[in-house]
Amino acid sequence: MTYYSDESARTTYIDPKIYVPNVRASWELDASEAAYLPDLRVCFLGGSSDGVASYNRLLGAIACCRNWRLMDGKTELCSQNVAQFIQGFRNLNRPNAQNESVNSSLLCNSLGSSILGSTNKISRVAKILDIATLGGENSAYFHLSEVFPMLNSVTHLPTNVFQNLRIEVEFDSAVSSNINDTTKTFNTLRPVLVADVLEDPKIVDMMNKNFRAASWLEREHDQFVIPQSANDGGADDQLITQNVNVRLNGFNNKRVERLLMVKELSNGALLEGTGVVNAFGKFASQANYQQKFQVRLNGRNILPRQGMVGNNERLAHVVDTFGECTSFLGANQYGKKDNENFMTDGDKFGGQADYIALYLGDYVQDLQINFSRVGLQDATALRPTTQTQIAHVYCECRKQLVVNNDGSYNITYSQ
């Protein structure tokens, strides 16, 4: 951090080289004979509307960011595909006080709650930074190390090695993905990249001499479908177990550390009321009834007996695997009817943060997931025990960068 105290680092604000509203943005880091420090961030992420509305309660203003890529010319250095679901979990993967006081202000989400003295209910007390009309909107200040873990493992990004650095983001401009009022419009703002750059040749040369290798955990994505039950909530579905056994090939021949599964309701419109998106919207992870989860890795079961079978067991695995999370009563429990007595809008938030996490820590040759849920007769529109869900599976895959003596480099998966 001495680069900041002795004023060797210069902060520069970079407009996107390419900006297509509601589609994508791209920045080029084209300083020559320089070193970019890894604390890259983007400001003015978010959107404007034709009226005041709340951003997505889970993701805030970064709900518009679907895919991220850090490129060197045509070479992908680091990326995060299908970023919204895992970033939603990462937002929750912080203490409640940190979300309420800091993170919700940076990202404009609604996470972090207190207990109201007047009602004794869990509720968001701190101010929520809403979207507004162009010129008066709130926006996110987002550190790119959240989506590019490579930035946590390098001292700098040298331009003599990475000669065509570029950052790209693809937008999701759907109104229901971004704000809680579907009667309003949504259009992305023009974001700005903030970068700290070192240009002193002596400092840059010294740092480049020591830049030889780096290793990090890339969060890669695969998915499978939990299909709709045979009767879609009819009488014949009552207490019928539905089993889903799948083989995921996206992580083969990679060393995998932690696994996270997020269950998206396929028909996100069912999470909407009359012009209102409820709770976390499509980025929620849906709780099912009496679900069980088992991973079979390289021919052996990772978990004993039937695997994860209870709500508290799943929650314990999440905390043991990823650390402290912001949670609330009924967050991962299906059908908790008295949530409204304990939490403002508790009937809408119940069962909307049911994540599954597990530590694997092995080289993957064959990865299978066994998932089951029990159906219930249910005539309501939202019936997650029998409806189609998309299971997004994220795994941390170990990658490494090796810089050769001639200045070229290789990025490979660690064995």
Protein backbone atom coordinates (compact mmCIF):
# COMPACT_ATOMS: atom_id res chain seq x y z
CA MET A 1 0.00 0.00 0.00
CA THR A 2 3.06 2.27 0.02
CA TYR A 3 2.31 3.03 -3.62
CA TYR A 4 -0.56 5.20 -2.38
CA SER A 5 1.28 6.88 0.49
CA ASP A 6 4.25 7.95 -1.66
CA GLU A 7 1.93 8.98 -4.53
CA SER A 8 3.44 6.49 -6.99
CA ALA A 9 -0.03 5.23 -7.93
CA ARG A 10 -2.28 7.38 -10.09
CA THR A 11 -6.03 6.80 -10.10
CA THR A 12 -7.52 7.00 -13.56
CA TYR A 13 -11.17 6.95 -14.65
CA ILE A 14 -11.78 5.10 -17.90
CA ASP A 15 -14.90 5.40 -20.01
CA PRO A 16 -15.95 2.26 -21.87
CA LYS A 17 -14.41 1.91 -25.31
CA ILE A 18 -17.62 0.19 -26.38
CA TYR A 19 -20.94 0.85 -24.70
CA VAL A 20 -24.19 -0.50 -26.12
CA PRO A 21 -27.01 0.50 -23.72
CA ASN A 22 -28.75 -2.50 -22.16
CA VAL A 23 -26.40 -4.89 -23.99
CA ARG A 24 -22.71 -4.62 -23.02
CA ALA A 25 -19.74 -2.46 -22.09
CA SER A 26 -16.02 -2.92 -22.72
CA TRP A 27 -12.99 -1.08 -21.31
CA GLU A 28 -9.42 -1.16 -22.62
CA LEU A 29 -6.43 -0.79 -20.29
CA ASP A 30 -4.02 0.55 -22.87
CA ALA A 31 -1.33 2.33 -20.82
CA SER A 32 2.10 1.23 -22.13
CA GLU A 33 5.10 0.40 -19.92
CA ALA A 34 2.86 0.55 -16.87
CA ALA A 35 1.41 -1.68 -14.17
CA TYR A 36 -2.24 -1.70 -13.18
CA LEU A 37 -2.85 -2.50 -9.53
CA PRO A 38 -5.41 -5.27 -8.98
CA ASP A 39 -7.94 -3.15 -7.06
CA LEU A 40 -10.01 -2.47 -10.16
CA ARG A 41 -13.56 -1.27 -9.60
CA VAL A 42 -16.53 -0.06 -11.59
CA CYS A 43 -18.76 2.83 -10.58
CA PHE A 44 -22.12 3.98 -11.96
CA LEU A 45 -23.32 0.40 -12.38
CA GLY A 46 -27.08 0.34 -12.43
CA GLY A 47 -29.84 1.99 -14.34
CA SER A 48 -32.41 4.73 -14.65
CA SER A 49 -36.17 4.48 -14.78
CA ASP A 50 -39.23 6.59 -15.46
CA GLY A 51 -40.00 6.65 -11.75
CA VAL A 52 -38.77 5.66 -8.31
CA ALA A 53 -38.48 1.93 -7.62
CA SER A 54 -36.28 -0.37 -5.55
CA TYR A 55 -33.46 -2.31 -7.10
CA ASN A 56 -33.54 -6.10 -6.78
CA ARG A 57 -33.40 -6.68 -3.02
CA LEU A 58 -30.69 -9.33 -3.21
CA LEU A 59 -28.35 -7.97 -5.88
CA GLY A 60 -29.10 -4.28 -5.92
CA ALA A 61 -27.74 -2.27 -8.85
CA ILE A 62 -25.43 -5.08 -10.03
CA ALA A 63 -28.41 -7.24 -11.02
CA CYS A 64 -27.91 -5.90 -14.54
CA CYS A 65 -24.52 -7.66 -14.88
CA ARG A 66 -24.98 -11.10 -16.44
CA ASN A 67 -21.45 -12.11 -17.54
CA TRP A 68 -17.96 -10.70 -16.83
CA ARG A 69 -14.67 -11.32 -18.64
CA LEU A 70 -11.08 -10.16 -18.10
CA MET A 71 -9.29 -10.51 -21.43
CA ASP A 72 -5.83 -10.07 -22.93
CA GLY A 73 -6.59 -9.76 -26.61
CA LYS A 74 -8.36 -13.03 -27.44
CA THR A 75 -7.07 -14.80 -24.32
CA GLU A 76 -9.45 -15.08 -21.40
CA LEU A 77 -7.59 -14.47 -18.16
CA CYS A 78 -10.55 -14.75 -15.79
CA SER A 79 -14.32 -14.73 -16.08
CA GLN A 80 -17.61 -15.14 -14.27
CA ASN A 81 -20.47 -16.50 -16.34
CA VAL A 82 -24.08 -16.48 -15.10
CA ALA A 83 -22.85 -14.08 -12.47
CA GLN A 84 -26.13 -12.96 -10.90
CA PHE A 85 -26.95 -16.15 -8.98
CA ILE A 86 -23.55 -16.62 -7.38
CA GLN A 87 -23.18 -12.89 -6.72
CA GLY A 88 -26.50 -12.97 -4.92
CA PHE A 89 -25.10 -15.64 -2.63
CA ARG A 90 -21.87 -13.70 -2.17
CA ASN A 91 -23.91 -10.69 -1.07
CA LEU A 92 -25.57 -12.84 1.58
CA ASN A 93 -22.22 -14.39 2.50
CA ARG A 94 -21.42 -11.47 4.82
CA PRO A 95 -22.39 -10.61 8.40
CA ASN A 96 -25.73 -8.85 8.78
CA ALA A 97 -24.11 -5.68 10.20
CA GLN A 98 -21.72 -5.41 7.27
CA ASN A 99 -24.56 -5.76 4.78
CA GLU A 100 -26.74 -3.24 6.59
CA SER A 101 -24.06 -0.58 7.11
CA VAL A 102 -21.67 -0.98 4.17
CA ASN A 103 -22.49 -3.38 1.39
CA SER A 104 -26.09 -2.29 0.87
CA SER A 105 -24.88 1.29 0.39
CA LEU A 106 -22.20 0.29 -2.11
CA LEU A 107 -24.46 -1.98 -4.17
CA CYS A 108 -27.92 -0.46 -3.51
CA ASN A 109 -29.41 -3.74 -2.31
CA SER A 110 -31.75 -4.22 0.64
CA LEU A 111 -29.78 -6.75 2.68
CA GLY A 112 -29.14 -6.29 6.37
CA SER A 113 -32.00 -6.00 8.85
CA SER A 114 -32.84 -4.92 12.37
CA ILE A 115 -35.72 -5.60 14.75
CA LEU A 116 -38.32 -2.85 14.80
CA GLY A 117 -39.13 -1.81 18.35
CA SER A 118 -42.72 -0.96 17.48
CA THR A 119 -43.61 -4.37 16.03
CA ASN A 120 -40.71 -6.65 17.12
CA LYS A 121 -40.42 -7.74 13.49
CA ILE A 122 -37.28 -8.21 11.42
CA SER A 123 -37.22 -5.37 8.90
CA ARG A 124 -34.93 -3.23 6.80
CA VAL A 125 -34.46 -0.05 8.84
CA ALA A 126 -31.53 1.64 7.08
CA LYS A 127 -32.31 3.70 4.01
CA ILE A 128 -32.68 1.83 0.71
CA LEU A 129 -30.98 3.50 -2.26
CA ASP A 130 -33.67 3.38 -4.94
CA ILE A 131 -33.42 3.70 -8.69
CA ALA A 132 -34.83 6.98 -10.00
CA THR A 133 -35.12 9.03 -13.16
CA LEU A 134 -32.00 9.77 -15.20
CA GLY A 135 -29.87 12.33 -13.42
CA GLY A 136 -31.08 11.43 -9.94
CA GLU A 137 -30.41 7.68 -9.89
CA ASN A 138 -28.37 5.73 -7.38
CA SER A 139 -25.74 3.30 -8.66
CA ALA A 140 -23.27 0.67 -7.47
CA TYR A 141 -19.56 0.90 -6.68
CA PHE A 142 -18.32 -2.61 -7.42
CA HIS A 143 -14.90 -4.18 -6.81
CA LEU A 144 -14.00 -6.46 -9.72
CA SER A 145 -12.17 -8.90 -7.45
CA GLU A 146 -15.70 -10.11 -6.63
CA VAL A 147 -15.97 -11.63 -10.12
CA PHE A 148 -12.27 -11.95 -11.05
CA PRO A 149 -10.57 -13.95 -8.24
CA MET A 150 -7.32 -13.72 -10.19
CA LEU A 151 -7.06 -10.11 -8.98
CA ASN A 152 -6.72 -11.37 -5.40
CA SER A 153 -3.64 -13.42 -6.27
CA VAL A 154 -1.51 -11.03 -8.36
CA THR A 155 0.47 -7.99 -7.23
CA HIS A 156 -0.27 -6.12 -10.45
CA LEU A 157 -1.25 -6.50 -14.10
CA PRO A 158 1.90 -5.67 -16.12
CA THR A 159 1.28 -4.29 -19.60
CA ASN A 160 4.53 -5.79 -20.90
CA VAL A 161 2.98 -9.23 -20.25
CA PHE A 162 -0.71 -8.45 -20.84
CA GLN A 163 -0.45 -6.11 -23.80
CA ASN A 164 -4.13 -5.91 -24.73
CA LEU A 165 -6.00 -5.86 -21.43
CA ARG A 166 -9.76 -5.56 -21.72
CA ILE A 167 -12.71 -5.88 -19.34
CA GLU A 168 -16.14 -6.81 -20.64
CA VAL A 169 -19.58 -7.01 -19.06
CA GLU A 170 -22.81 -8.24 -20.63
CA PHE A 171 -26.02 -6.69 -19.34
CA ASP A 172 -29.39 -8.13 -18.39
CA SER A 173 -31.82 -5.27 -18.93
CA ALA A 174 -35.08 -7.09 -18.13
CA VAL A 175 -37.19 -4.94 -15.81
CA SER A 176 -38.12 -7.89 -13.57
CA SER A 177 -34.43 -8.75 -13.11
CA ASN A 178 -33.45 -5.29 -11.95
CA ILE A 179 -36.24 -3.51 -10.09
CA ASN A 180 -39.26 -4.51 -8.01
CA ASP A 181 -41.85 -2.56 -10.03
CA THR A 182 -42.58 -4.12 -13.42
CA THR A 183 -44.73 -1.15 -14.46
CA LYS A 184 -41.58 1.01 -14.69
CA THR A 185 -38.87 1.04 -17.35
CA PHE A 186 -35.20 0.16 -16.92
CA ASN A 187 -32.20 1.34 -18.92
CA THR A 188 -28.58 0.78 -17.96
CA LEU A 189 -26.28 3.64 -17.03
CA ARG A 190 -22.93 4.20 -18.71
CA PRO A 191 -20.47 2.70 -16.18
CA VAL A 192 -16.94 3.96 -15.53
CA LEU A 193 -13.88 1.84 -14.70
CA VAL A 194 -11.64 3.07 -11.88
CA ALA A 195 -8.03 1.85 -12.03
CA ASP A 196 -4.86 2.62 -10.09
CA VAL A 197 -1.81 2.62 -12.35
CA LEU A 198 1.93 2.76 -11.69
CA GLU A 199 3.96 4.53 -14.35
CA ASP A 200 7.36 5.02 -12.68
CA PRO A 201 9.71 2.84 -14.81
CA LYS A 202 11.92 1.86 -11.85
CA ILE A 203 8.98 0.66 -9.76
CA VAL A 204 7.34 -1.10 -12.71
CA ASP A 205 10.57 -2.90 -13.70
CA MET A 206 11.15 -4.03 -10.14
CA MET A 207 7.62 -5.44 -9.86
CA ASN A 208 7.80 -7.11 -13.27
CA LYS A 209 10.96 -9.02 -12.28
CA ASN A 210 9.03 -10.71 -9.50
CA PHE A 211 5.94 -11.41 -11.58
CA ARG A 212 6.39 -15.09 -12.44
CA ALA A 213 3.36 -17.10 -11.29
CA ALA A 214 -0.04 -16.91 -9.66
CA SER A 215 -2.73 -19.36 -8.59
CA TRP A 216 -6.40 -18.77 -7.87
CA LEU A 217 -9.82 -20.45 -7.66
CA GLU A 218 -11.97 -19.71 -10.71
CA ARG A 219 -15.71 -19.98 -10.02
CA GLU A 220 -17.05 -21.95 -12.99
CA HIS A 221 -20.67 -22.76 -13.80
CA ASP A 222 -22.70 -25.73 -14.94
CA GLN A 223 -26.40 -26.44 -14.59
CA PHE A 224 -29.11 -29.05 -14.80
CA VAL A 225 -32.91 -29.07 -14.78
CA ILE A 226 -35.15 -30.32 -11.99
CA PRO A 227 -38.21 -31.09 -14.14
CA GLN A 228 -41.82 -30.39 -13.34
CA SER A 229 -43.56 -33.25 -11.57
CA ALA A 230 -45.89 -35.50 -13.51
CA ASN A 231 -49.08 -33.80 -12.29
CA ASP A 232 -47.78 -30.28 -11.63
CA GLY A 233 -49.16 -30.03 -8.12
CA GLY A 234 -52.22 -32.17 -8.66
CA ALA A 235 -53.65 -34.64 -6.15
CA ASP A 236 -51.47 -37.48 -7.47
CA ASP A 237 -48.31 -35.51 -6.55
CA GLN A 238 -49.07 -35.52 -2.82
CA LEU A 239 -46.03 -36.93 -0.95
CA ILE A 240 -44.54 -38.46 -4.12
CA THR A 241 -40.72 -38.39 -4.17
CA GLN A 242 -39.10 -37.05 -7.32
CA ASN A 243 -35.50 -38.15 -7.92
CA VAL A 244 -33.06 -36.34 -10.21
CA ASN A 245 -29.71 -37.99 -10.93
CA VAL A 246 -27.37 -36.09 -13.25
CA ARG A 247 -23.74 -36.19 -14.33
CA LEU A 248 -22.05 -32.79 -14.69
CA ASN A 249 -19.24 -32.67 -17.24
CA GLY A 250 -18.29 -29.02 -16.84
CA PHE A 251 -15.78 -29.73 -14.07
CA ASN A 252 -14.12 -32.84 -15.45
CA ASN A 253 -10.31 -32.93 -15.37
CA LYS A 254 -10.18 -29.99 -12.97
CA ARG A 255 -9.21 -29.75 -9.32
CA VAL A 256 -12.32 -28.53 -7.53
CA GLU A 257 -12.52 -27.03 -4.04
CA ARG A 258 -15.96 -25.72 -2.91
CA LEU A 259 -19.33 -26.37 -4.58
CA LEU A 260 -22.44 -24.16 -4.44
CA MET A 261 -25.88 -24.95 -5.85
CA VAL A 262 -28.57 -22.30 -6.45
CA LYS A 263 -32.09 -23.39 -7.44
CA GLU A 264 -33.81 -20.94 -9.77
CA LEU A 265 -37.54 -21.18 -10.39
CA SER A 266 -37.75 -21.62 -14.15
CA ASN A 267 -40.82 -19.40 -14.51
CA GLY A 268 -39.68 -16.23 -12.76
CA ALA A 269 -43.00 -14.52 -13.48
CA LEU A 270 -44.54 -16.62 -10.70
CA LEU A 271 -42.49 -14.63 -8.20
CA GLU A 272 -44.27 -11.44 -9.26
CA GLY A 273 -47.42 -9.96 -7.82
CA THR A 274 -49.50 -7.29 -9.56
CA GLY A 275 -46.71 -5.18 -11.02
CA VAL A 276 -44.38 -6.11 -8.14
CA VAL A 277 -41.42 -8.49 -7.96
CA ASN A 278 -41.53 -10.24 -4.59
CA ALA A 279 -38.55 -10.88 -2.32
CA PHE A 280 -35.36 -11.67 -4.31
CA GLY A 281 -37.15 -12.28 -7.60
CA LYS A 282 -35.72 -14.78 -10.07
CA PHE A 283 -32.34 -14.79 -8.31
CA ALA A 284 -33.72 -16.46 -5.18
CA SER A 285 -32.73 -20.04 -4.37
CA GLN A 286 -35.96 -21.96 -3.86
CA ALA A 287 -36.57 -24.26 -0.90
CA ASN A 288 -38.23 -27.59 -1.64
CA TYR A 289 -40.10 -29.99 0.63
CA GLN A 290 -38.09 -32.80 2.28
CA GLN A 291 -35.26 -32.46 -0.20
CA LYS A 292 -32.15 -34.63 -0.13
CA PHE A 293 -28.78 -33.94 -1.71
CA GLN A 294 -25.84 -36.23 -2.37
CA VAL A 295 -22.67 -35.83 -4.43
CA ARG A 296 -20.93 -38.81 -5.98
CA LEU A 297 -17.34 -37.89 -6.85
CA ASN A 298 -15.11 -40.28 -8.81
CA GLY A 299 -17.31 -43.22 -7.91
CA ARG A 300 -17.80 -42.57 -4.19
CA ASN A 301 -20.41 -40.72 -2.14
CA ILE A 302 -19.06 -37.61 -0.43
CA LEU A 303 -21.73 -37.47 2.26
CA PRO A 304 -22.70 -40.34 4.55
CA ARG A 305 -25.97 -42.27 4.23
CA GLN A 306 -28.63 -40.26 2.35
CA GLY A 307 -26.59 -37.05 2.22
CA MET A 308 -28.05 -33.72 3.32
CA VAL A 309 -31.58 -34.29 4.52
CA GLY A 310 -32.62 -31.40 6.80
CA ASN A 311 -32.96 -27.62 6.66
CA ASN A 312 -30.48 -27.03 9.48
CA GLU A 313 -28.05 -29.54 7.99
CA ARG A 314 -28.02 -27.66 4.68
CA LEU A 315 -27.58 -24.35 6.48
CA ALA A 316 -24.72 -25.80 8.56
CA HIS A 317 -22.93 -26.98 5.42
CA VAL A 318 -23.28 -23.53 3.86
CA VAL A 319 -21.75 -21.82 6.90
CA ASP A 320 -19.05 -24.48 7.34
CA THR A 321 -18.10 -24.21 3.67
CA PHE A 322 -18.32 -20.47 3.01
CA GLY A 323 -18.49 -18.78 6.41
CA GLU A 324 -20.96 -16.44 8.08
CA CYS A 325 -24.05 -15.42 6.15
CA THR A 326 -26.88 -12.94 6.50
CA SER A 327 -29.99 -15.01 7.08
CA PHE A 328 -33.46 -14.81 8.60
CA LEU A 329 -36.13 -17.08 10.02
CA GLY A 330 -37.45 -19.46 7.36
CA ALA A 331 -34.83 -18.44 4.78
CA ASN A 332 -34.23 -22.04 3.69
CA GLN A 333 -37.47 -23.68 4.84
CA TYR A 334 -40.42 -24.48 2.61
CA GLY A 335 -43.94 -23.66 3.79
CA LYS A 336 -43.23 -21.80 7.03
CA LYS A 337 -46.65 -20.21 7.50
CA ASP A 338 -45.93 -17.90 10.44
CA ASN A 339 -43.07 -15.94 8.80
CA GLU A 340 -45.29 -12.87 8.61
CA ASN A 341 -45.40 -12.77 12.40
CA PHE A 342 -41.62 -12.39 12.63
CA MET A 343 -40.56 -10.52 9.50
CA THR A 344 -41.94 -7.71 7.34
CA ASP A 345 -43.14 -9.39 4.10
CA GLY A 346 -42.05 -12.67 5.68
CA ASP A 347 -44.62 -14.62 3.67
CA LYS A 348 -42.77 -13.58 0.50
CA PHE A 349 -39.21 -14.15 1.77
CA GLY A 350 -39.79 -17.60 3.29
CA GLY A 351 -37.82 -20.32 1.49
CA GLN A 352 -36.08 -17.87 -0.85
CA ALA A 353 -32.47 -18.39 0.31
CA ASP A 354 -32.06 -22.17 0.30
CA TYR A 355 -28.49 -22.72 -0.89
CA ILE A 356 -26.60 -26.01 -0.92
CA ALA A 357 -22.84 -25.96 -0.34
CA LEU A 358 -20.17 -28.61 0.06
CA TYR A 359 -16.38 -28.88 0.12
CA LEU A 360 -15.00 -31.41 -2.39
CA GLY A 361 -11.23 -30.75 -2.47
CA ASP A 362 -10.35 -33.29 -5.14
CA TYR A 363 -9.52 -33.79 -8.79
CA VAL A 364 -12.71 -34.46 -10.76
CA GLN A 365 -12.96 -37.31 -13.20
CA ASP A 366 -16.65 -37.99 -12.70
CA LEU A 367 -19.12 -35.76 -10.82
CA GLN A 368 -22.71 -36.81 -10.21
CA ILE A 369 -25.43 -35.09 -8.21
CA ASN A 370 -28.38 -36.95 -6.71
CA PHE A 371 -31.23 -34.63 -5.72
CA SER A 372 -34.72 -35.48 -4.58
CA ARG A 373 -37.77 -33.59 -3.34
CA VAL A 374 -41.23 -34.58 -2.16
CA GLY A 375 -44.21 -33.18 -4.05
CA LEU A 376 -47.30 -31.67 -2.50
CA GLN A 377 -50.79 -31.12 -3.85
CA ASP A 378 -50.85 -27.37 -4.42
CA ALA A 379 -53.22 -25.28 -6.53
CA THR A 380 -51.45 -21.95 -5.96
CA ALA A 381 -49.43 -20.33 -8.75
CA LEU A 382 -46.13 -20.60 -6.86
CA ARG A 383 -45.58 -24.28 -6.03
CA PRO A 384 -41.85 -24.91 -5.97
CA THR A 385 -42.24 -28.50 -4.74
CA THR A 386 -43.50 -29.56 -8.17
CA GLN A 387 -42.49 -26.88 -10.67
CA THR A 388 -39.49 -26.81 -12.99
CA GLN A 389 -36.31 -25.45 -11.44
CA ILE A 390 -32.88 -24.77 -12.89
CA ALA A 391 -30.06 -25.88 -10.59
CA HIS A 392 -27.04 -23.63 -11.09
CA VAL A 393 -23.89 -25.37 -9.86
CA TYR A 394 -20.74 -23.32 -9.23
CA CYS A 395 -17.41 -24.95 -8.42
CA GLU A 396 -14.09 -23.38 -7.52
CA CYS A 397 -11.57 -24.72 -10.04
CA ARG A 398 -7.89 -24.19 -9.34
CA LYS A 399 -6.09 -22.33 -12.15
CA GLN A 400 -2.56 -21.05 -12.47
CA LEU A 401 -0.62 -18.48 -14.47
CA VAL A 402 3.03 -19.09 -15.37
CA VAL A 403 5.10 -16.33 -17.03
CA ASN A 404 7.94 -17.54 -19.24
CA ASN A 405 11.37 -15.92 -19.53
CA ASP A 406 10.51 -14.42 -22.91
CA GLY A 407 7.47 -12.61 -21.45
CA SER A 408 4.87 -15.04 -22.82
CA TYR A 409 2.59 -16.84 -20.40
CA ASN A 410 0.38 -19.89 -19.99
CA ILE A 411 -2.89 -20.22 -18.05
CA THR A 412 -3.75 -23.80 -17.13
CA TYR A 413 -5.80 -25.80 -14.69
CA SER A 414 -3.78 -27.04 -11.71
CA GLN A 415 -3.51 -30.83 -11.40
